[in-house]
Amino acid sequence: MSLRAFHLLFIALSVMLAAFCAAWAMDQYRVDHRGLLIVGAVGSLIAACGLAVYGTMFQRKTRNL
């Protein structure tokens, strides 16, 4: 496995983990109604979107390698 492929795999796994954390925090917010859980969910969702954008940019930049 090349370093590029490993990097893309790691980014994809990170996006999935951030999305899972956002879903978990939203589920916990429905039970507990603490504001910190909403902050965590929004932060995780922003991180997932940022990682997805980064992964797309990285793939385009390294396409010819």
Protein backbone atom coordinates (compact mmCIF):
# COMPACT_ATOMS: atom_id res chain seq x y z
CA MET A 1 0.00 0.00 0.00
CA SER A 2 1.46 3.32 -1.02
CA LEU A 3 1.78 6.26 1.33
CA ARG A 4 -0.84 8.15 -0.71
CA ALA A 5 -3.34 5.31 -0.39
CA PHE A 6 -2.67 4.99 3.33
CA HIS A 7 -3.19 8.73 3.78
CA LEU A 8 -6.51 8.61 1.92
CA LEU A 9 -7.62 5.60 3.97
CA PHE A 10 -6.69 7.36 7.20
CA ILE A 11 -8.62 10.48 6.15
CA ALA A 12 -11.69 8.38 5.28
CA LEU A 13 -11.56 6.61 8.64
CA SER A 14 -11.19 9.97 10.40
CA VAL A 15 -14.26 11.33 8.61
CA MET A 16 -16.27 8.29 9.68
CA LEU A 17 -15.09 8.61 13.28
CA ALA A 18 -15.95 12.32 13.43
CA ALA A 19 -19.41 11.62 11.95
CA PHE A 20 -19.93 8.83 14.49
CA CYS A 21 -18.95 11.17 17.34
CA ALA A 22 -21.40 13.80 16.05
CA ALA A 23 -24.21 11.23 15.90
CA TRP A 24 -23.35 9.94 19.37
CA ALA A 25 -23.33 13.46 20.85
CA MET A 26 -26.71 14.24 19.27
CA ASP A 27 -28.14 11.00 20.65
CA GLN A 28 -26.83 11.83 24.11
CA TYR A 29 -28.25 15.35 23.85
CA ARG A 30 -31.73 13.91 23.30
CA VAL A 31 -31.38 12.10 26.62
CA ASP A 32 -29.50 14.63 28.76
CA HIS A 33 -30.06 18.11 27.20
CA ARG A 34 -26.64 19.49 28.13
CA GLY A 35 -25.33 22.29 25.95
CA LEU A 36 -21.83 20.86 25.81
CA LEU A 37 -23.15 17.87 23.88
CA ILE A 38 -24.50 20.16 21.14
CA VAL A 39 -21.14 21.93 20.99
CA GLY A 40 -19.43 18.56 20.63
CA ALA A 41 -21.83 17.44 17.92
CA VAL A 42 -21.41 20.63 15.90
CA GLY A 43 -17.63 20.54 16.37
CA SER A 44 -17.47 16.94 15.22
CA LEU A 45 -19.65 17.69 12.22
CA ILE A 46 -17.45 20.63 11.25
CA ALA A 47 -14.37 18.44 11.64
CA ALA A 48 -15.92 15.73 9.44
CA CYS A 49 -16.74 18.26 6.72
CA GLY A 50 -13.27 19.79 6.95
CA LEU A 51 -11.62 16.40 6.70
CA ALA A 52 -13.77 15.51 3.69
CA VAL A 53 -12.73 18.73 1.95
CA TYR A 54 -9.10 18.09 2.85
CA GLY A 55 -9.31 14.54 1.50
CA THR A 56 -10.75 15.77 -1.78
CA MET A 57 -8.07 18.43 -2.14
CA PHE A 58 -5.33 15.92 -1.30
CA GLN A 59 -6.65 13.42 -3.84
CA ARG A 60 -6.76 16.06 -6.58
CA LYS A 61 -3.28 17.33 -5.73
CA THR A 62 -1.68 13.89 -5.72
CA ARG A 63 -3.65 12.34 -8.59
CA ASN A 64 -0.62 12.13 -10.89
CA LEU A 65 1.74 10.58 -8.36
